[in-house]
Amino acid sequence: MKSLLPRRLRSRLAIKQTLSFALLVMVLAGGAYALFAHRIYEQLDDELQDRTIAVRSMLQVRNGEVRWLNKEADREVRDQFERSIRYFDLLDDQTQVVDSSRGMTALQIPIGDSAQQSLTSESITYDTFRLPGDSRLRVINAPVTSQKRYVMRLATSMDQADRDCARLRSFLLFLLPCVFLVHGISSWAVAKDTLRPLEAITSAAARLNPLDQGTRLPVFGNDDEFDQLSITLNAAFARMHSSFQRMSDFLRNLSHEVRQPLTVMRAEAEQALRQSEPSHGYREMLSSQLQHVELLARTVSDLMEMAQSENDQIKLHCQPEDLAELVQAAVDGMRIKASENNMQISSAVQQNVVGQFDAGQIWRLLLNLLENAIKYNRPEGKIDVALTTHDGVAIVSVTDTGQGIPAEEQARIFERGFRTQSARKSAVPGTGLGLHFARAIVEAHGGAIELTSVPGQGTCFRVTLPLTSSVRPDGTELTSHDAPIN
């Protein structure tokens, strides 16, 4: 399964690049809109100035009377005058209307401070008025000098300019999302192409194992940062592999060296117990030493198994086995030990439960569970073992009436080397490796192991094992299965 890290990194890069690009484009688009809108309204004011010139060329004011010279002008000037005179009025130095067109009279446009400013400063000013219906009117105030000062006001509708600005806004609002979408897609593609080496490195890193010399991170030959990363990590993994290999070899040699003297010590202790009739205290001492030798032997066996398991995996050699026979044999084998501790073992085993199993590993699994049920049970307790099948799955349960496991420690019970607090305080010997290897064996067979425990009432371990066929779909025989020890 591919790692999600490159995808998330690719998404973040594409999103950040698109957002920064969007911010830049929005600033540029806002500036462009402001510039074009200013130019549109500036052209409107230029047009009003041209109209003012046309009207002023036809206007004469003498003794307070207005006279128009439009009949004496040529046709082109007269046409310009007729288009400009629709909204017109003339104010005297008291801002009283001297002359006005019908359109301006009908609109009743108020006289603002800009008109008074044009009278006093003899400069052109502008006003903008909003009319009913959301229309706007642009008014130019142009000073007229005759025998006394006047102000000529010409107005024109701003509807066309407003529509042009609205169309420009709509175009930008439509264009910007399209640009952002195209840029986002291209950013995603560029990020994907750029991070493709990282995705390959991440995928290869997920398959790396410090004990496997053959698998290493890919080097693409581009002499870039990704190649440097792969080379550096490959060197680190090579050193790690060498270290693990030395540790594994040492552990394997140590297990071999320790196993032989432990076997001799066990045999001698058993012989001393059988052949002599020492005092009661001496027999107790020999029995205690024998128990500790057996514990050391099991620990060495576990270490040997760990050292021989390449890549921290349990190697299975599966063949058709009757699980019922294995379970019943394990129960019968532990009856003597249970009776020595005044405990009873009962079993309910369904017959003919045949599947692909490694008999040795299943035997080890069952003995681990039964031994724990005996060691951590209460005096004169009971142990129930059951084997059933359901939907092609074998279900093995081992239930005891012991002290149980606290809820806060149940999640760690299968960890390597973990022992509960009560087990550490008790005189019961143990290494904390039994349940760890039990889970590894179950998972190697493609199954699962579950724990149900109530403190003060007991514990139940429930193992589910698939009853797989001995022949694969391609017709080849299924002889082994590898699964990692977690």
Protein backbone atom coordinates (compact mmCIF):
# COMPACT_ATOMS: atom_id res chain seq x y z
CA MET A 1 0.00 0.00 0.00
CA LYS A 2 1.41 3.34 -0.98
CA SER A 3 2.23 5.84 1.70
CA LEU A 4 -0.02 8.88 2.06
CA LEU A 5 2.91 11.16 2.94
CA PRO A 6 3.83 12.15 -0.67
CA ARG A 7 0.16 12.73 -1.49
CA ARG A 8 -0.35 14.98 1.50
CA LEU A 9 2.87 16.87 0.77
CA ARG A 10 1.85 17.19 -2.88
CA SER A 11 -1.54 18.56 -1.85
CA ARG A 12 -0.02 21.05 0.55
CA LEU A 13 2.47 22.28 -2.03
CA ALA A 14 -0.21 22.62 -4.72
CA ILE A 15 -2.60 24.41 -2.34
CA LYS A 16 0.04 26.82 -1.03
CA GLN A 17 1.27 27.62 -4.52
CA THR A 18 -2.27 28.14 -5.79
CA LEU A 19 -3.18 30.36 -2.83
CA SER A 20 -0.10 32.54 -3.26
CA PHE A 21 -0.77 32.77 -6.99
CA ALA A 22 -4.43 33.58 -6.33
CA LEU A 23 -3.47 36.36 -3.92
CA LEU A 24 -1.08 37.86 -6.46
CA VAL A 25 -3.61 37.62 -9.29
CA MET A 26 -6.37 39.12 -7.14
CA VAL A 27 -4.15 42.09 -6.29
CA LEU A 28 -3.26 42.55 -9.96
CA ALA A 29 -6.88 42.12 -11.04
CA GLY A 30 -8.02 44.65 -8.44
CA GLY A 31 -5.40 47.11 -9.63
CA ALA A 32 -6.32 46.54 -13.28
CA TYR A 33 -10.02 47.02 -12.53
CA ALA A 34 -9.34 50.23 -10.63
CA LEU A 35 -7.20 51.51 -13.50
CA PHE A 36 -9.76 50.66 -16.20
CA ALA A 37 -12.68 52.00 -14.14
CA HIS A 38 -10.77 55.24 -13.55
CA ARG A 39 -10.12 55.50 -17.28
CA ILE A 40 -13.81 54.91 -18.12
CA TYR A 41 -14.97 57.67 -15.81
CA GLU A 42 -12.11 59.88 -16.94
CA GLN A 43 -13.33 59.54 -20.53
CA LEU A 44 -16.78 60.50 -19.32
CA ASP A 45 -15.37 63.69 -17.80
CA ASP A 46 -13.43 64.40 -21.00
CA GLU A 47 -16.65 64.05 -22.96
CA LEU A 48 -18.35 66.54 -20.61
CA GLN A 49 -15.49 68.98 -21.17
CA ASP A 50 -15.93 68.66 -24.96
CA ARG A 51 -19.64 69.30 -24.58
CA THR A 52 -18.91 72.30 -22.39
CA ILE A 53 -16.74 73.77 -25.16
CA ALA A 54 -19.47 73.18 -27.77
CA VAL A 55 -22.15 74.78 -25.61
CA ARG A 56 -19.94 77.69 -24.57
CA SER A 57 -19.20 78.46 -28.20
CA MET A 58 -22.93 79.00 -28.79
CA LEU A 59 -23.62 80.95 -25.61
CA GLN A 60 -23.67 84.75 -25.21
CA VAL A 61 -24.74 86.50 -22.00
CA ARG A 62 -25.35 90.27 -22.13
CA ASN A 63 -27.05 92.30 -19.50
CA GLY A 64 -28.27 89.15 -17.82
CA GLU A 65 -29.89 87.83 -20.97
CA VAL A 66 -28.87 84.57 -22.64
CA ARG A 67 -28.52 84.40 -26.39
CA TRP A 68 -27.76 81.25 -28.43
CA LEU A 69 -25.82 81.35 -31.64
CA ASN A 70 -26.63 77.83 -32.77
CA LYS A 71 -28.36 78.98 -35.93
CA GLU A 72 -25.23 80.73 -37.07
CA ALA A 73 -22.90 77.75 -36.47
CA ASP A 74 -22.02 75.08 -38.97
CA ARG A 75 -23.87 71.78 -38.96
CA GLU A 76 -21.23 69.72 -37.09
CA VAL A 77 -20.98 72.20 -34.22
CA ARG A 78 -24.77 72.53 -34.13
CA ASP A 79 -25.20 68.73 -33.86
CA GLN A 80 -22.70 68.58 -30.99
CA PHE A 81 -24.53 71.48 -29.31
CA GLU A 82 -27.93 69.81 -29.62
CA ARG A 83 -26.58 66.58 -28.01
CA SER A 84 -25.02 68.53 -25.16
CA ILE A 85 -27.82 70.95 -24.31
CA ARG A 86 -30.25 68.29 -23.01
CA TYR A 87 -29.14 68.72 -19.38
CA PHE A 88 -28.05 72.35 -19.03
CA ASP A 89 -28.49 75.28 -16.72
CA LEU A 90 -26.75 78.60 -16.16
CA LEU A 91 -26.29 80.10 -12.69
CA ASP A 92 -25.41 83.66 -11.82
CA ASP A 93 -23.01 84.77 -9.11
CA GLN A 94 -25.78 84.25 -6.54
CA THR A 95 -26.23 80.68 -7.80
CA GLN A 96 -29.65 81.59 -9.13
CA VAL A 97 -30.78 79.86 -12.29
CA VAL A 98 -30.60 82.19 -15.27
CA ASP A 99 -31.40 79.65 -17.97
CA SER A 100 -32.15 75.92 -17.89
CA SER A 101 -33.11 73.10 -20.24
CA ARG A 102 -36.29 71.08 -19.80
CA GLY A 103 -34.35 67.98 -18.83
CA MET A 104 -32.41 69.74 -16.10
CA THR A 105 -35.56 71.46 -14.80
CA ALA A 106 -37.36 68.11 -14.64
CA LEU A 107 -34.56 66.44 -12.70
CA GLN A 108 -34.42 69.27 -10.14
CA ILE A 109 -30.76 68.65 -9.47
CA PRO A 110 -29.62 70.48 -6.35
CA ILE A 111 -26.89 73.07 -6.51
CA GLY A 112 -23.89 71.83 -4.58
CA ASP A 113 -20.86 73.44 -3.08
CA SER A 114 -18.85 72.62 -6.19
CA ALA A 115 -20.82 75.17 -8.21
CA GLN A 116 -20.03 77.89 -5.64
CA GLN A 117 -16.37 76.82 -5.74
CA SER A 118 -16.32 77.24 -9.52
CA LEU A 119 -17.68 80.78 -9.11
CA THR A 120 -15.02 81.82 -6.66
CA SER A 121 -12.01 79.98 -8.08
CA GLU A 122 -12.99 80.08 -11.78
CA SER A 123 -12.03 76.41 -12.07
CA ILE A 124 -13.93 73.41 -13.40
CA THR A 125 -15.45 71.12 -10.79
CA TYR A 126 -17.58 67.96 -10.92
CA ASP A 127 -20.56 66.58 -9.03
CA THR A 128 -22.18 63.15 -9.04
CA PHE A 129 -25.86 62.77 -8.20
CA ARG A 130 -27.91 59.58 -7.74
CA LEU A 131 -31.29 59.59 -9.43
CA PRO A 132 -34.33 57.43 -8.70
CA GLY A 133 -33.90 53.90 -10.08
CA ASP A 134 -30.20 53.68 -9.12
CA SER A 135 -29.12 55.81 -12.07
CA ARG A 136 -26.36 58.34 -11.65
CA LEU A 137 -25.73 61.71 -13.23
CA ARG A 138 -22.35 63.35 -13.75
CA VAL A 139 -22.38 67.16 -13.66
CA ILE A 140 -19.61 69.53 -14.74
CA ASN A 141 -19.48 73.04 -13.30
CA ALA A 142 -17.68 75.36 -15.75
CA PRO A 143 -17.16 79.08 -15.02
CA VAL A 144 -18.42 81.55 -17.67
CA THR A 145 -17.03 85.09 -17.65
CA SER A 146 -19.08 87.88 -19.20
CA GLN A 147 -19.99 91.21 -17.63
CA LYS A 148 -20.20 89.24 -14.41
CA ARG A 149 -19.45 85.68 -13.39
CA TYR A 150 -21.68 82.74 -14.22
CA VAL A 151 -21.49 79.00 -13.82
CA MET A 152 -22.64 76.73 -16.61
CA ARG A 153 -23.68 73.24 -15.58
CA LEU A 154 -23.87 70.35 -18.03
CA ALA A 155 -24.91 66.83 -17.02
CA THR A 156 -24.79 63.42 -18.63
CA SER A 157 -25.96 59.98 -17.58
CA MET A 158 -23.38 57.59 -16.06
CA ASP A 159 -25.40 54.48 -16.90
CA GLN A 160 -23.17 53.43 -19.81
CA ALA A 161 -20.00 53.92 -17.78
CA ASP A 162 -21.51 52.00 -14.86
CA ARG A 163 -22.53 49.16 -17.21
CA ASP A 164 -19.02 49.02 -18.66
CA CYS A 165 -17.54 48.73 -15.16
CA ALA A 166 -20.11 46.09 -14.22
CA ARG A 167 -19.26 44.05 -17.33
CA LEU A 168 -15.57 44.35 -16.46
CA ARG A 169 -16.26 43.11 -12.91
CA SER A 170 -18.32 40.19 -14.19
CA PHE A 171 -15.60 39.23 -16.65
CA LEU A 172 -12.97 39.27 -13.91
CA LEU A 173 -15.19 37.28 -11.52
CA PHE A 174 -15.66 34.65 -14.22
CA LEU A 175 -12.05 34.63 -15.39
CA LEU A 176 -10.31 34.47 -12.00
CA PRO A 177 -11.82 31.13 -10.83
CA CYS A 178 -10.96 29.59 -14.21
CA VAL A 179 -7.38 30.84 -13.90
CA PHE A 180 -7.18 29.54 -10.32
CA LEU A 181 -8.53 26.13 -11.38
CA VAL A 182 -6.10 25.80 -14.28
CA HIS A 183 -3.20 26.92 -12.09
CA GLY A 184 -4.25 24.52 -9.32
CA ILE A 185 -4.31 21.58 -11.74
CA SER A 186 -0.94 22.53 -13.20
CA SER A 187 0.50 23.01 -9.68
CA TRP A 188 -0.77 19.55 -8.72
CA ALA A 189 0.83 18.03 -11.82
CA VAL A 190 4.13 19.84 -11.22
CA ALA A 191 4.15 18.83 -7.54
CA LYS A 192 3.36 15.24 -8.49
CA ASP A 193 6.21 15.13 -10.98
CA THR A 194 8.59 16.80 -8.53
CA LEU A 195 7.68 14.54 -5.61
CA ARG A 196 7.58 11.29 -7.59
CA PRO A 197 11.09 10.35 -6.34
CA LEU A 198 9.95 10.99 -2.76
CA GLU A 199 6.98 8.69 -3.28
CA ALA A 200 9.28 5.95 -4.56
CA ILE A 201 11.64 6.50 -1.60
CA THR A 202 8.73 6.36 0.87
CA SER A 203 7.37 3.17 -0.70
CA ALA A 204 10.81 1.55 -0.58
CA ALA A 205 11.34 2.72 3.02
CA ALA A 206 8.11 0.96 4.06
CA ARG A 207 9.63 -2.34 2.87
CA LEU A 208 13.01 -1.79 4.51
CA ASN A 209 14.15 -4.10 7.27
CA PRO A 210 17.40 -3.59 9.16
CA LEU A 211 18.17 -7.30 8.84
CA ASP A 212 17.63 -7.38 5.07
CA GLN A 213 20.71 -6.35 3.16
CA GLY A 214 19.10 -6.61 -0.27
CA THR A 215 16.42 -3.91 0.01
CA ARG A 216 17.58 -0.32 -0.12
CA LEU A 217 16.21 3.09 -1.09
CA PRO A 218 16.33 3.91 -4.82
CA VAL A 219 18.88 6.34 -6.24
CA PHE A 220 17.67 7.99 -9.47
CA GLY A 221 20.96 9.37 -10.74
CA ASN A 222 19.74 12.99 -10.88
CA ASP A 223 22.31 14.13 -8.30
CA ASP A 224 19.64 16.15 -6.51
CA GLU A 225 18.42 16.37 -2.92
CA PHE A 226 16.41 13.14 -3.24
CA ASP A 227 19.47 11.21 -4.37
CA GLN A 228 21.48 12.64 -1.50
CA LEU A 229 18.71 11.62 0.91
CA SER A 230 18.65 8.04 -0.45
CA ILE A 231 22.44 7.74 -0.34
CA THR A 232 22.60 9.01 3.23
CA LEU A 233 19.79 6.76 4.47
CA ASN A 234 21.20 3.74 2.60
CA ALA A 235 24.52 4.25 4.37
CA ALA A 236 22.72 4.48 7.72
CA PHE A 237 20.75 1.31 7.00
CA ALA A 238 23.94 -0.50 5.98
CA ARG A 239 25.51 0.35 9.34
CA MET A 240 22.30 -0.68 11.10
CA HIS A 241 22.21 -3.99 9.21
CA SER A 242 25.80 -4.72 10.18
CA SER A 243 25.01 -3.96 13.83
CA PHE A 244 21.90 -6.15 13.85
CA GLN A 245 23.77 -8.94 12.12
CA ARG A 246 26.48 -8.88 14.77
CA MET A 247 23.86 -8.88 17.51
CA SER A 248 21.99 -11.78 15.91
CA ASP A 249 25.17 -13.79 15.51
CA PHE A 250 26.16 -13.10 19.10
CA LEU A 251 22.72 -14.09 20.37
CA ARG A 252 22.75 -17.28 18.33
CA ASN A 253 26.22 -18.26 19.56
CA LEU A 254 25.33 -17.37 23.13
CA SER A 255 22.16 -19.49 23.00
CA HIS A 256 24.16 -22.46 21.74
CA GLU A 257 26.78 -22.01 24.44
CA VAL A 258 24.26 -21.64 27.28
CA ARG A 259 21.86 -24.39 26.24
CA GLN A 260 24.30 -27.26 26.83
CA PRO A 261 25.25 -26.44 30.47
CA LEU A 262 21.59 -25.78 31.28
CA THR A 263 20.67 -29.21 29.94
CA VAL A 264 23.38 -30.80 32.08
CA MET A 265 22.26 -28.87 35.20
CA ARG A 266 18.66 -29.90 34.65
CA ALA A 267 19.54 -33.56 34.20
CA GLU A 268 21.74 -33.57 37.30
CA ALA A 269 19.08 -31.88 39.44
CA GLU A 270 16.43 -34.36 38.31
CA GLN A 271 18.79 -37.28 38.99
CA ALA A 272 19.59 -35.95 42.47
CA LEU A 273 15.90 -35.72 43.27
CA ARG A 274 15.23 -39.27 42.09
CA GLN A 275 18.19 -41.13 43.58
CA SER A 276 18.71 -39.51 46.96
CA GLU A 277 16.53 -39.10 50.01
CA PRO A 278 17.73 -35.82 51.39
CA SER A 279 16.02 -33.69 53.97
CA HIS A 280 12.83 -31.87 53.13
CA GLY A 281 14.62 -28.50 52.93
CA TYR A 282 17.25 -29.88 50.61
CA ARG A 283 14.60 -31.30 48.29
CA GLU A 284 12.83 -27.92 48.22
CA MET A 285 16.12 -26.25 47.29
CA LEU A 286 16.72 -28.75 44.47
CA SER A 287 13.13 -28.30 43.23
CA SER A 288 13.53 -24.50 43.23
CA GLN A 289 16.80 -24.78 41.34
CA LEU A 290 15.15 -27.10 38.82
CA GLN A 291 12.35 -24.58 38.26
CA HIS A 292 14.87 -21.81 37.65
CA VAL A 293 16.84 -24.02 35.28
CA GLU A 294 13.64 -24.76 33.35
CA LEU A 295 12.88 -21.02 33.20
CA LEU A 296 16.39 -20.31 31.91
CA ALA A 297 16.01 -23.11 29.36
CA ARG A 298 12.75 -21.65 28.08
CA THR A 299 14.31 -18.18 27.94
CA VAL A 300 17.28 -19.50 25.98
CA SER A 301 14.86 -21.34 23.68
CA ASP A 302 12.97 -18.11 23.06
CA LEU A 303 16.19 -16.23 22.39
CA MET A 304 17.29 -18.97 20.02
CA GLU A 305 13.97 -18.74 18.20
CA MET A 306 14.35 -14.98 17.97
CA ALA A 307 17.89 -15.23 16.65
CA GLN A 308 16.97 -17.85 14.07
CA SER A 309 13.90 -15.94 12.86
CA GLU A 310 15.22 -13.92 9.92
CA ASN A 311 13.81 -10.38 9.69
CA ASP A 312 12.06 -10.96 13.04
CA GLN A 313 9.63 -13.41 11.42
CA ILE A 314 8.38 -16.83 12.44
CA LYS A 315 8.95 -19.40 9.72
CA LEU A 316 6.09 -21.84 9.34
CA HIS A 317 6.16 -25.22 7.66
CA CYS A 318 2.49 -25.95 7.23
CA GLN A 319 0.85 -29.19 6.27
CA PRO A 320 -2.60 -30.70 6.80
CA GLU A 321 -3.07 -31.23 10.54
CA ASP A 322 -5.99 -32.14 12.77
CA LEU A 323 -6.20 -29.26 15.22
CA ALA A 324 -8.41 -31.33 17.50
CA GLU A 325 -5.63 -33.84 18.09
CA LEU A 326 -3.12 -31.05 18.84
CA VAL A 327 -5.45 -29.38 21.33
CA GLN A 328 -6.35 -32.64 23.07
CA ALA A 329 -2.69 -33.70 23.26
CA ALA A 330 -1.73 -30.36 24.81
CA VAL A 331 -4.53 -30.66 27.39
CA ASP A 332 -3.53 -34.22 28.29
CA GLY A 333 0.11 -33.20 28.56
CA MET A 334 -0.67 -30.41 31.05
CA ARG A 335 -3.02 -32.45 33.29
CA ILE A 336 -0.18 -33.69 35.47
CA LYS A 337 1.15 -30.18 36.06
CA ALA A 338 -2.37 -28.93 36.76
CA SER A 339 -3.03 -31.73 39.28
CA GLU A 340 0.24 -30.93 41.05
CA ASN A 341 -1.22 -27.46 41.64
CA ASN A 342 -4.65 -28.86 42.69
CA MET A 343 -6.31 -27.56 39.51
CA GLN A 344 -8.74 -29.17 37.10
CA ILE A 345 -8.58 -29.00 33.29
CA SER A 346 -11.73 -29.68 31.29
CA SER A 347 -11.94 -29.73 27.53
CA ALA A 348 -14.68 -29.59 24.90
CA VAL A 349 -12.97 -30.36 21.60
CA GLN A 350 -14.78 -30.59 18.26
CA GLN A 351 -13.38 -33.45 16.21
CA ASN A 352 -11.95 -33.45 12.68
CA VAL A 353 -10.84 -29.81 12.56
CA VAL A 354 -8.36 -30.13 9.71
CA GLY A 355 -6.40 -27.23 8.25
CA GLN A 356 -2.98 -26.02 7.20
CA PHE A 357 -0.94 -25.68 10.40
CA ASP A 358 2.62 -25.88 11.64
CA ALA A 359 2.15 -28.54 14.33
CA GLY A 360 5.26 -27.55 16.29
CA GLN A 361 4.30 -23.88 16.49
CA ILE A 362 0.66 -24.66 17.34
CA TRP A 363 1.88 -26.99 20.10
CA ARG A 364 4.07 -24.19 21.44
CA LEU A 365 1.11 -21.76 21.32
CA LEU A 366 -1.17 -24.10 23.26
CA LEU A 367 1.43 -24.90 25.90
CA ASN A 368 2.08 -21.18 26.45
CA LEU A 369 -1.61 -20.46 27.00
CA LEU A 370 -2.15 -23.50 29.24
CA GLU A 371 0.98 -22.84 31.28
CA ASN A 372 -0.11 -19.24 31.90
CA ALA A 373 -3.58 -20.46 32.90
CA ILE A 374 -1.97 -22.76 35.50
CA LYS A 375 0.65 -20.32 36.78
CA TYR A 376 -1.71 -17.39 37.33
CA ASN A 377 -4.76 -19.34 38.49
CA ARG A 378 -6.01 -19.41 42.07
CA PRO A 379 -5.49 -22.51 44.24
CA GLU A 380 -7.89 -25.32 43.29
CA GLY A 381 -8.92 -23.29 40.25
CA LYS A 382 -10.35 -24.51 36.98
CA ILE A 383 -9.21 -24.31 33.38
CA ASP A 384 -11.62 -24.77 30.46
CA VAL A 385 -10.33 -25.46 26.94
CA ALA A 386 -12.68 -25.42 23.96
CA LEU A 387 -12.29 -25.94 20.20
CA THR A 388 -15.09 -25.10 17.76
CA THR A 389 -15.42 -24.03 14.12
CA HIS A 390 -17.48 -21.32 12.45
CA ASP A 391 -17.50 -20.19 8.80
CA GLY A 392 -14.20 -21.87 7.96
CA VAL A 393 -12.43 -20.61 11.09
CA ALA A 394 -11.24 -22.68 14.05
CA ILE A 395 -11.79 -21.08 17.47
CA VAL A 396 -9.67 -22.14 20.44
CA SER A 397 -10.39 -20.68 23.87
CA VAL A 398 -8.49 -21.14 27.13
CA THR A 399 -10.33 -19.85 30.21
CA ASP A 400 -9.08 -19.79 33.78
CA THR A 401 -10.48 -18.71 37.14
CA GLY A 402 -7.40 -16.76 38.18
CA GLN A 403 -6.76 -13.26 39.40
CA GLY A 404 -7.40 -11.62 36.02
CA ILE A 405 -5.56 -8.77 34.33
CA PRO A 406 -6.20 -5.07 35.12
CA ALA A 407 -7.87 -3.18 32.26
CA GLU A 408 -5.01 -0.67 31.96
CA GLU A 409 -2.50 -3.50 31.39
CA GLN A 410 -4.51 -5.60 28.93
CA ALA A 411 -3.44 -3.54 25.91
CA ARG A 412 0.25 -4.34 26.60
CA ILE A 413 -0.09 -8.01 27.50
CA PHE A 414 1.26 -9.20 24.13
CA GLU A 415 4.26 -6.87 24.11
CA ARG A 416 7.70 -8.44 24.13
CA GLY A 417 9.05 -8.73 27.69
CA PHE A 418 5.95 -7.23 29.35
CA ARG A 419 4.70 -8.70 32.62
CA THR A 420 1.83 -7.37 34.70
CA GLN A 421 2.56 -5.64 37.95
CA SER A 422 1.02 -8.46 39.99
CA ALA A 423 3.09 -11.05 38.06
CA ARG A 424 6.30 -9.15 38.77
CA LYS A 425 5.48 -8.95 42.47
CA SER A 426 4.56 -12.64 42.72
CA ALA A 427 6.97 -15.54 43.06
CA VAL A 428 5.82 -16.97 39.71
CA PRO A 429 8.81 -17.08 37.34
CA GLY A 430 8.45 -15.73 33.81
CA THR A 431 10.16 -13.82 31.00
CA GLY A 432 7.28 -11.93 29.38
CA LEU A 433 8.01 -13.58 26.01
CA GLY A 434 5.41 -16.36 25.98
CA LEU A 435 2.35 -14.34 24.98
CA HIS A 436 4.43 -12.28 22.55
CA PHE A 437 5.41 -15.41 20.65
CA ALA A 438 1.86 -16.76 21.00
CA ARG A 439 0.50 -13.78 19.11
CA ALA A 440 3.28 -14.04 16.53
CA ILE A 441 2.42 -17.72 15.91
CA VAL A 442 -1.30 -16.95 15.54
CA GLU A 443 -0.70 -14.04 13.16
CA ALA A 444 1.77 -16.14 11.16
CA HIS A 445 -1.11 -18.56 10.52
CA GLY A 446 -3.30 -15.63 9.41
CA GLY A 447 -5.36 -15.65 12.60
CA ALA A 448 -5.93 -13.42 15.60
CA ILE A 449 -5.79 -13.70 19.38
CA GLU A 450 -8.08 -11.80 21.73
CA LEU A 451 -8.07 -11.28 25.47
CA THR A 452 -11.03 -11.00 27.79
CA SER A 453 -10.25 -10.58 31.46
CA VAL A 454 -12.14 -9.50 34.56
CA PRO A 455 -9.92 -8.76 37.59
CA GLY A 456 -10.71 -11.15 40.41
CA GLN A 457 -12.74 -13.52 38.20
CA GLY A 458 -10.44 -14.87 35.50
CA THR A 459 -9.05 -14.56 31.99
CA CYS A 460 -9.97 -15.98 28.60
CA PHE A 461 -7.67 -16.10 25.58
CA ARG A 462 -9.58 -16.65 22.32
CA VAL A 463 -7.60 -17.74 19.24
CA THR A 464 -9.09 -17.79 15.74
CA LEU A 465 -7.25 -19.73 13.01
CA PRO A 466 -8.39 -19.95 9.37
CA LEU A 467 -8.81 -23.46 8.03
CA THR A 468 -7.04 -22.76 4.72
CA SER A 469 -6.85 -25.18 1.82
CA SER A 470 -3.61 -27.06 1.19
CA VAL A 471 -3.64 -26.04 -2.49
CA ARG A 472 -3.39 -22.53 -3.84
CA PRO A 473 -5.66 -21.32 -6.67
CA ASP A 474 -2.78 -21.84 -9.14
CA GLY A 475 -2.52 -25.53 -8.16
CA THR A 476 0.76 -25.34 -6.23
CA GLU A 477 1.04 -26.86 -2.77
CA LEU A 478 0.94 -24.49 0.18
CA THR A 479 3.87 -25.49 2.38
CA SER A 480 4.92 -22.41 4.31
CA HIS A 481 3.85 -19.00 5.43
CA ASP A 482 5.84 -16.10 6.81
CA ALA A 483 4.49 -13.50 9.17
CA PRO A 484 6.31 -10.79 11.13
CA ILE A 485 6.66 -10.74 14.86
CA ASN A 486 5.29 -7.38 15.89
